[in-house]
Amino acid sequence: LQNSSIIWTDSIQNSILNFLSVIPDVLNILEEDNLTSEIIRKTGYHKCIASLCVLGGFIESVRIGCCVKIKAKEPGNEKFGTVVSIDNSTQEAYISINTENDSNLKINLDKLEVVPESSINPEYLGPIVPDVANMLL
């Protein structure tokens, strides 16, 4: 967003902030017993979820081409790489490690963590209710 025109940036930012402001209402509505599609539509649930997705508020799955962190036993020893292929039958992925050697490793999917392509910039969360902002970070 920061590289787009100021008008688009402001428009998108305001829309997202507007939709995120209904998170407390959406959470309260979802706890009701007599939940209907009409009630969900009126609360702005879908727009709220879409805004979270735009901000990176969703869990991205391991896919070919994504950047991953290979979890290590000790912090600081993690390696980063790009998924080259996935073998669903063995639940393993071939990873091209981001080093000078560009080696390929076969790693179990449980040991991979997707590195988001974008993250939430806390500066944009200022106008959101503090409790909601803390939930997002």
N, C-alpha and C. Protein backbone atom coordinates (compact mmCIF):
# COMPACT_ATOMS: atom_id res chain seq x y z
N LEU A 1 0.81 -1.21 0.00
CA LEU A 1 0.00 0.00 0.00
C LEU A 1 0.85 1.27 0.00
N GLN A 2 1.99 1.19 0.63
CA GLN A 2 2.80 2.39 0.77
C GLN A 2 3.35 2.87 -0.56
N ASN A 3 3.46 1.98 -1.54
CA ASN A 3 3.99 2.38 -2.84
C ASN A 3 2.89 2.82 -3.80
N SER A 4 1.64 2.71 -3.40
CA SER A 4 0.52 3.11 -4.25
C SER A 4 0.29 4.61 -4.10
N SER A 5 -0.62 5.11 -4.91
CA SER A 5 -0.93 6.54 -4.79
C SER A 5 -1.55 6.83 -3.43
N ILE A 6 -1.39 8.04 -2.97
CA ILE A 6 -1.87 8.43 -1.65
C ILE A 6 -3.39 8.27 -1.56
N ILE A 7 -4.10 8.58 -2.62
CA ILE A 7 -5.57 8.47 -2.60
C ILE A 7 -5.98 7.02 -2.38
N TRP A 8 -5.38 6.09 -3.13
CA TRP A 8 -5.72 4.68 -2.96
C TRP A 8 -5.32 4.18 -1.57
N THR A 9 -4.14 4.59 -1.11
CA THR A 9 -3.68 4.17 0.20
C THR A 9 -4.65 4.61 1.28
N ASP A 10 -5.05 5.89 1.25
CA ASP A 10 -5.98 6.41 2.25
C ASP A 10 -7.33 5.71 2.16
N SER A 11 -7.81 5.50 0.96
CA SER A 11 -9.11 4.86 0.77
C SER A 11 -9.11 3.43 1.30
N ILE A 12 -8.09 2.68 0.95
CA ILE A 12 -8.01 1.29 1.40
C ILE A 12 -7.82 1.24 2.92
N GLN A 13 -6.96 2.09 3.43
CA GLN A 13 -6.71 2.11 4.87
C GLN A 13 -8.00 2.44 5.63
N ASN A 14 -8.73 3.44 5.18
CA ASN A 14 -9.98 3.81 5.86
C ASN A 14 -11.02 2.70 5.78
N SER A 15 -11.11 2.04 4.63
CA SER A 15 -12.07 0.94 4.50
C SER A 15 -11.72 -0.20 5.44
N ILE A 16 -10.45 -0.56 5.46
CA ILE A 16 -10.02 -1.66 6.34
C ILE A 16 -10.26 -1.31 7.80
N LEU A 17 -9.89 -0.11 8.20
CA LEU A 17 -10.10 0.30 9.59
C LEU A 17 -11.59 0.29 9.94
N ASN A 18 -12.43 0.72 9.00
CA ASN A 18 -13.87 0.73 9.22
C ASN A 18 -14.38 -0.70 9.45
N PHE A 19 -13.96 -1.61 8.60
CA PHE A 19 -14.42 -2.99 8.73
C PHE A 19 -13.87 -3.67 9.99
N LEU A 20 -12.64 -3.34 10.36
CA LEU A 20 -12.05 -3.94 11.55
C LEU A 20 -12.68 -3.42 12.84
N SER A 21 -13.26 -2.24 12.76
CA SER A 21 -13.88 -1.68 13.96
C SER A 21 -15.09 -2.48 14.42
N VAL A 22 -15.62 -3.34 13.55
CA VAL A 22 -16.78 -4.15 13.93
C VAL A 22 -16.39 -5.51 14.51
N ILE A 23 -15.09 -5.77 14.68
CA ILE A 23 -14.67 -7.07 15.21
C ILE A 23 -15.36 -7.41 16.54
N PRO A 24 -15.41 -6.50 17.52
CA PRO A 24 -16.10 -6.86 18.77
C PRO A 24 -17.57 -7.25 18.54
N ASP A 25 -18.26 -6.52 17.64
CA ASP A 25 -19.66 -6.85 17.35
C ASP A 25 -19.77 -8.22 16.70
N VAL A 26 -18.87 -8.50 15.76
CA VAL A 26 -18.89 -9.79 15.06
C VAL A 26 -18.66 -10.92 16.05
N LEU A 27 -17.69 -10.76 16.95
CA LEU A 27 -17.42 -11.81 17.93
C LEU A 27 -18.61 -12.05 18.85
N ASN A 28 -19.28 -10.97 19.26
CA ASN A 28 -20.46 -11.12 20.12
C ASN A 28 -21.60 -11.83 19.38
N ILE A 29 -21.81 -11.46 18.13
CA ILE A 29 -22.89 -12.07 17.33
C ILE A 29 -22.64 -13.56 17.12
N LEU A 30 -21.39 -13.92 16.88
CA LEU A 30 -21.06 -15.32 16.62
C LEU A 30 -21.31 -16.23 17.82
N GLU A 31 -21.40 -15.65 19.01
CA GLU A 31 -21.67 -16.43 20.22
C GLU A 31 -23.16 -16.68 20.44
N GLU A 32 -24.02 -16.04 19.67
CA GLU A 32 -25.47 -16.22 19.84
C GLU A 32 -25.92 -17.58 19.31
N ASP A 33 -26.99 -18.09 19.93
CA ASP A 33 -27.52 -19.41 19.54
C ASP A 33 -28.33 -19.36 18.25
N ASN A 34 -29.06 -18.30 18.04
CA ASN A 34 -29.95 -18.22 16.86
C ASN A 34 -29.30 -17.44 15.72
N LEU A 35 -28.12 -17.87 15.33
CA LEU A 35 -27.36 -17.20 14.29
C LEU A 35 -27.91 -17.55 12.91
N THR A 36 -28.20 -16.54 12.11
CA THR A 36 -28.70 -16.76 10.75
C THR A 36 -27.78 -16.05 9.76
N SER A 37 -27.91 -16.42 8.49
CA SER A 37 -27.08 -15.77 7.47
C SER A 37 -27.41 -14.28 7.36
N GLU A 38 -28.64 -13.93 7.63
CA GLU A 38 -29.05 -12.51 7.59
C GLU A 38 -28.34 -11.72 8.69
N ILE A 39 -28.26 -12.29 9.88
CA ILE A 39 -27.57 -11.61 10.99
C ILE A 39 -26.09 -11.45 10.66
N ILE A 40 -25.49 -12.51 10.11
CA ILE A 40 -24.07 -12.45 9.73
C ILE A 40 -23.84 -11.36 8.69
N ARG A 41 -24.73 -11.26 7.71
CA ARG A 41 -24.60 -10.25 6.66
C ARG A 41 -24.69 -8.85 7.24
N LYS A 42 -25.60 -8.63 8.15
CA LYS A 42 -25.80 -7.29 8.72
C LYS A 42 -24.64 -6.85 9.60
N THR A 43 -23.92 -7.78 10.20
CA THR A 43 -22.81 -7.39 11.08
C THR A 43 -21.55 -7.00 10.31
N GLY A 44 -21.50 -7.30 9.03
CA GLY A 44 -20.30 -7.01 8.25
C GLY A 44 -19.23 -8.08 8.44
N TYR A 45 -19.65 -9.28 8.84
CA TYR A 45 -18.73 -10.38 9.10
C TYR A 45 -17.78 -10.62 7.93
N HIS A 46 -18.33 -10.75 6.72
CA HIS A 46 -17.50 -11.07 5.56
C HIS A 46 -16.50 -9.95 5.24
N LYS A 47 -16.93 -8.71 5.39
CA LYS A 47 -16.02 -7.59 5.14
C LYS A 47 -14.92 -7.54 6.20
N CYS A 48 -15.29 -7.89 7.42
CA CYS A 48 -14.32 -7.93 8.52
C CYS A 48 -13.27 -9.00 8.25
N ILE A 49 -13.70 -10.19 7.87
CA ILE A 49 -12.77 -11.28 7.58
C ILE A 49 -11.89 -10.92 6.38
N ALA A 50 -12.47 -10.31 5.35
CA ALA A 50 -11.69 -9.89 4.18
C ALA A 50 -10.62 -8.88 4.58
N SER A 51 -10.96 -7.96 5.48
CA SER A 51 -9.99 -6.97 5.94
C SER A 51 -8.84 -7.63 6.69
N LEU A 52 -9.16 -8.63 7.50
CA LEU A 52 -8.11 -9.36 8.20
C LEU A 52 -7.19 -10.06 7.21
N CYS A 53 -7.78 -10.60 6.15
CA CYS A 53 -6.96 -11.27 5.13
C CYS A 53 -6.04 -10.28 4.43
N VAL A 54 -6.54 -9.09 4.13
CA VAL A 54 -5.71 -8.07 3.49
C VAL A 54 -4.54 -7.70 4.39
N LEU A 55 -4.78 -7.66 5.69
CA LEU A 55 -3.74 -7.30 6.64
C LEU A 55 -2.82 -8.47 6.98
N GLY A 56 -3.12 -9.63 6.47
CA GLY A 56 -2.30 -10.80 6.80
C GLY A 56 -2.80 -11.50 8.03
N GLY A 57 -4.05 -11.29 8.40
CA GLY A 57 -4.63 -11.89 9.59
C GLY A 57 -5.18 -13.27 9.33
N PHE A 58 -4.52 -14.05 8.53
CA PHE A 58 -4.95 -15.41 8.26
C PHE A 58 -3.71 -16.29 8.24
N ILE A 59 -3.92 -17.58 8.39
CA ILE A 59 -2.79 -18.50 8.38
C ILE A 59 -2.60 -19.00 6.96
N GLU A 60 -1.44 -18.71 6.41
CA GLU A 60 -1.15 -19.16 5.05
C GLU A 60 -0.61 -20.57 5.11
N SER A 61 -1.07 -21.40 4.20
CA SER A 61 -0.60 -22.79 4.19
C SER A 61 0.66 -22.91 3.33
N VAL A 62 1.39 -24.00 3.58
CA VAL A 62 2.59 -24.27 2.80
C VAL A 62 2.16 -24.57 1.37
N ARG A 63 2.77 -23.87 0.41
CA ARG A 63 2.44 -24.06 -1.00
C ARG A 63 3.71 -23.87 -1.82
N ILE A 64 3.70 -24.39 -3.01
CA ILE A 64 4.86 -24.24 -3.89
C ILE A 64 5.09 -22.75 -4.16
N GLY A 65 6.34 -22.32 -3.98
CA GLY A 65 6.70 -20.93 -4.22
C GLY A 65 6.72 -20.06 -2.98
N CYS A 66 6.16 -20.54 -1.87
CA CYS A 66 6.14 -19.69 -0.67
C CYS A 66 7.47 -19.77 0.07
N CYS A 67 7.74 -18.72 0.82
CA CYS A 67 8.94 -18.68 1.65
C CYS A 67 8.61 -19.34 2.98
N VAL A 68 9.50 -20.19 3.47
CA VAL A 68 9.27 -20.88 4.73
C VAL A 68 10.48 -20.75 5.64
N LYS A 69 10.19 -20.87 6.94
CA LYS A 69 11.25 -20.96 7.95
C LYS A 69 11.26 -22.39 8.43
N ILE A 70 12.42 -23.02 8.43
CA ILE A 70 12.55 -24.39 8.93
C ILE A 70 12.84 -24.28 10.43
N LYS A 71 11.90 -24.80 11.21
CA LYS A 71 12.03 -24.69 12.67
C LYS A 71 13.26 -25.45 13.15
N ALA A 72 13.97 -24.84 14.08
CA ALA A 72 15.18 -25.44 14.65
C ALA A 72 14.95 -25.75 16.13
N LYS A 73 15.76 -26.66 16.66
CA LYS A 73 15.64 -27.00 18.09
C LYS A 73 16.04 -25.82 18.96
N GLU A 74 17.02 -25.05 18.51
CA GLU A 74 17.48 -23.91 19.27
C GLU A 74 17.19 -22.61 18.51
N PRO A 75 16.66 -21.60 19.20
CA PRO A 75 16.39 -20.32 18.53
C PRO A 75 17.65 -19.73 17.90
N GLY A 76 17.47 -19.15 16.73
CA GLY A 76 18.58 -18.53 16.03
C GLY A 76 19.24 -19.45 15.00
N ASN A 77 18.87 -20.73 15.04
CA ASN A 77 19.45 -21.68 14.09
C ASN A 77 18.49 -22.01 12.95
N GLU A 78 17.42 -21.24 12.83
CA GLU A 78 16.45 -21.49 11.78
C GLU A 78 17.06 -21.19 10.41
N LYS A 79 16.56 -21.91 9.41
CA LYS A 79 16.96 -21.65 8.03
C LYS A 79 15.72 -21.21 7.26
N PHE A 80 15.94 -20.45 6.21
CA PHE A 80 14.85 -19.98 5.37
C PHE A 80 15.03 -20.52 3.97
N GLY A 81 13.91 -20.77 3.31
CA GLY A 81 13.98 -21.29 1.96
C GLY A 81 12.67 -21.12 1.22
N THR A 82 12.64 -21.64 0.01
CA THR A 82 11.46 -21.56 -0.84
C THR A 82 10.99 -22.98 -1.16
N VAL A 83 9.68 -23.20 -1.07
CA VAL A 83 9.13 -24.52 -1.35
C VAL A 83 9.18 -24.77 -2.85
N VAL A 84 9.82 -25.88 -3.24
CA VAL A 84 9.98 -26.24 -4.64
C VAL A 84 8.91 -27.25 -5.05
N SER A 85 8.63 -28.22 -4.18
CA SER A 85 7.59 -29.20 -4.45
C SER A 85 7.09 -29.77 -3.13
N ILE A 86 5.91 -30.38 -3.17
CA ILE A 86 5.29 -30.96 -1.99
C ILE A 86 4.85 -32.38 -2.32
N ASP A 87 5.17 -33.31 -1.43
CA ASP A 87 4.73 -34.70 -1.56
C ASP A 87 3.67 -34.94 -0.49
N ASN A 88 2.40 -34.86 -0.87
CA ASN A 88 1.32 -35.00 0.10
C ASN A 88 1.24 -36.40 0.71
N SER A 89 1.70 -37.41 -0.01
CA SER A 89 1.63 -38.77 0.51
C SER A 89 2.57 -38.97 1.71
N THR A 90 3.70 -38.29 1.71
CA THR A 90 4.65 -38.41 2.83
C THR A 90 4.63 -37.18 3.75
N GLN A 91 3.81 -36.17 3.39
CA GLN A 91 3.73 -34.93 4.16
C GLN A 91 5.10 -34.24 4.27
N GLU A 92 5.82 -34.24 3.14
CA GLU A 92 7.13 -33.61 3.09
C GLU A 92 7.20 -32.63 1.92
N ALA A 93 8.09 -31.67 2.06
CA ALA A 93 8.29 -30.67 1.01
C ALA A 93 9.77 -30.57 0.68
N TYR A 94 10.07 -30.31 -0.58
CA TYR A 94 11.43 -30.03 -0.99
C TYR A 94 11.63 -28.53 -0.90
N ILE A 95 12.66 -28.13 -0.17
CA ILE A 95 12.92 -26.73 0.09
C ILE A 95 14.26 -26.33 -0.51
N SER A 96 14.26 -25.25 -1.27
CA SER A 96 15.50 -24.66 -1.77
C SER A 96 15.95 -23.65 -0.71
N ILE A 97 17.05 -23.94 -0.05
CA ILE A 97 17.54 -23.10 1.04
C ILE A 97 18.15 -21.82 0.48
N ASN A 98 17.83 -20.70 1.11
CA ASN A 98 18.31 -19.39 0.66
C ASN A 98 19.73 -19.13 1.19
N THR A 99 20.69 -19.80 0.61
CA THR A 99 22.10 -19.58 0.96
C THR A 99 22.91 -19.50 -0.33
N GLU A 100 24.22 -19.28 -0.16
CA GLU A 100 25.06 -19.24 -1.34
C GLU A 100 25.11 -20.58 -2.05
N ASN A 101 24.97 -21.68 -1.29
CA ASN A 101 25.05 -23.01 -1.86
C ASN A 101 23.76 -23.44 -2.55
N ASP A 102 22.63 -22.81 -2.21
CA ASP A 102 21.33 -23.14 -2.76
C ASP A 102 21.06 -24.65 -2.75
N SER A 103 21.22 -25.25 -1.59
CA SER A 103 20.96 -26.68 -1.46
C SER A 103 19.47 -26.94 -1.31
N ASN A 104 19.04 -28.16 -1.67
CA ASN A 104 17.64 -28.57 -1.53
C ASN A 104 17.53 -29.57 -0.40
N LEU A 105 16.53 -29.39 0.45
CA LEU A 105 16.28 -30.30 1.56
C LEU A 105 14.87 -30.84 1.48
N LYS A 106 14.70 -32.09 1.94
CA LYS A 106 13.38 -32.69 2.05
C LYS A 106 12.99 -32.60 3.53
N ILE A 107 11.94 -31.82 3.83
CA ILE A 107 11.56 -31.50 5.21
C ILE A 107 10.10 -31.88 5.45
N ASN A 108 9.81 -32.41 6.64
CA ASN A 108 8.43 -32.71 7.03
C ASN A 108 7.65 -31.40 7.16
N LEU A 109 6.41 -31.39 6.71
CA LEU A 109 5.59 -30.17 6.73
C LEU A 109 5.40 -29.61 8.14
N ASP A 110 5.42 -30.48 9.15
CA ASP A 110 5.26 -30.02 10.54
C ASP A 110 6.42 -29.15 11.00
N LYS A 111 7.55 -29.24 10.33
CA LYS A 111 8.74 -28.48 10.72
C LYS A 111 8.88 -27.18 9.95
N LEU A 112 7.84 -26.85 9.16
CA LEU A 112 7.89 -25.63 8.35
C LEU A 112 6.91 -24.59 8.88
N GLU A 113 7.32 -23.35 8.80
CA GLU A 113 6.45 -22.23 9.15
C GLU A 113 6.49 -21.24 7.99
N VAL A 114 5.31 -20.93 7.45
CA VAL A 114 5.25 -20.01 6.32
C VAL A 114 5.62 -18.60 6.78
N VAL A 115 6.48 -17.95 6.01
CA VAL A 115 6.86 -16.57 6.28
C VAL A 115 5.91 -15.68 5.48
N PRO A 116 5.10 -14.86 6.16
CA PRO A 116 4.13 -14.02 5.44
C PRO A 116 4.82 -13.07 4.46
N GLU A 117 4.16 -12.86 3.32
CA GLU A 117 4.70 -11.93 2.33
C GLU A 117 4.51 -10.49 2.76
N SER A 118 3.56 -10.27 3.66
CA SER A 118 3.34 -8.93 4.19
C SER A 118 2.95 -9.06 5.66
N SER A 119 3.10 -7.99 6.39
CA SER A 119 2.71 -8.02 7.79
C SER A 119 1.99 -6.72 8.13
N ILE A 120 1.34 -6.71 9.27
CA ILE A 120 0.58 -5.54 9.70
C ILE A 120 1.55 -4.46 10.17
N ASN A 121 1.37 -3.26 9.66
CA ASN A 121 2.14 -2.12 10.10
C ASN A 121 1.40 -1.50 11.28
N PRO A 122 1.94 -1.57 12.50
CA PRO A 122 1.23 -1.08 13.69
C PRO A 122 0.80 0.38 13.57
N GLU A 123 1.48 1.16 12.76
CA GLU A 123 1.14 2.58 12.61
C GLU A 123 -0.27 2.76 12.03
N TYR A 124 -0.74 1.78 11.21
CA TYR A 124 -2.07 1.88 10.63
C TYR A 124 -3.17 1.50 11.61
N LEU A 125 -2.82 0.92 12.74
CA LEU A 125 -3.82 0.44 13.67
C LEU A 125 -4.21 1.48 14.72
N GLY A 126 -3.60 2.64 14.66
CA GLY A 126 -3.87 3.69 15.64
C GLY A 126 -5.34 3.98 15.88
N PRO A 127 -6.16 4.18 14.84
CA PRO A 127 -7.56 4.53 15.05
C PRO A 127 -8.43 3.37 15.56
N ILE A 128 -7.91 2.15 15.59
CA ILE A 128 -8.71 1.01 16.03
C ILE A 128 -8.72 0.96 17.55
N VAL A 129 -9.81 0.48 18.10
CA VAL A 129 -9.92 0.31 19.55
C VAL A 129 -8.70 -0.49 20.04
N PRO A 130 -8.03 -0.05 21.11
CA PRO A 130 -6.79 -0.72 21.56
C PRO A 130 -6.93 -2.24 21.74
N ASP A 131 -8.08 -2.70 22.27
CA ASP A 131 -8.27 -4.15 22.47
C ASP A 131 -8.23 -4.89 21.15
N VAL A 132 -8.83 -4.31 20.11
CA VAL A 132 -8.85 -4.95 18.79
C VAL A 132 -7.46 -4.94 18.20
N ALA A 133 -6.74 -3.83 18.34
CA ALA A 133 -5.38 -3.74 17.81
C ALA A 133 -4.48 -4.78 18.45
N ASN A 134 -4.62 -4.99 19.76
CA ASN A 134 -3.81 -5.99 20.46
C ASN A 134 -4.14 -7.40 19.97
N MET A 135 -5.40 -7.66 19.64
CA MET A 135 -5.79 -8.98 19.11
C MET A 135 -5.09 -9.23 17.77
N LEU A 136 -4.93 -8.20 16.96
CA LEU A 136 -4.35 -8.34 15.63
C LEU A 136 -2.84 -8.51 15.68
N LEU A 137 -2.20 -7.98 16.70
CA LEU A 137 -0.74 -8.06 16.78
C LEU A 137 -0.36 -9.19 17.65
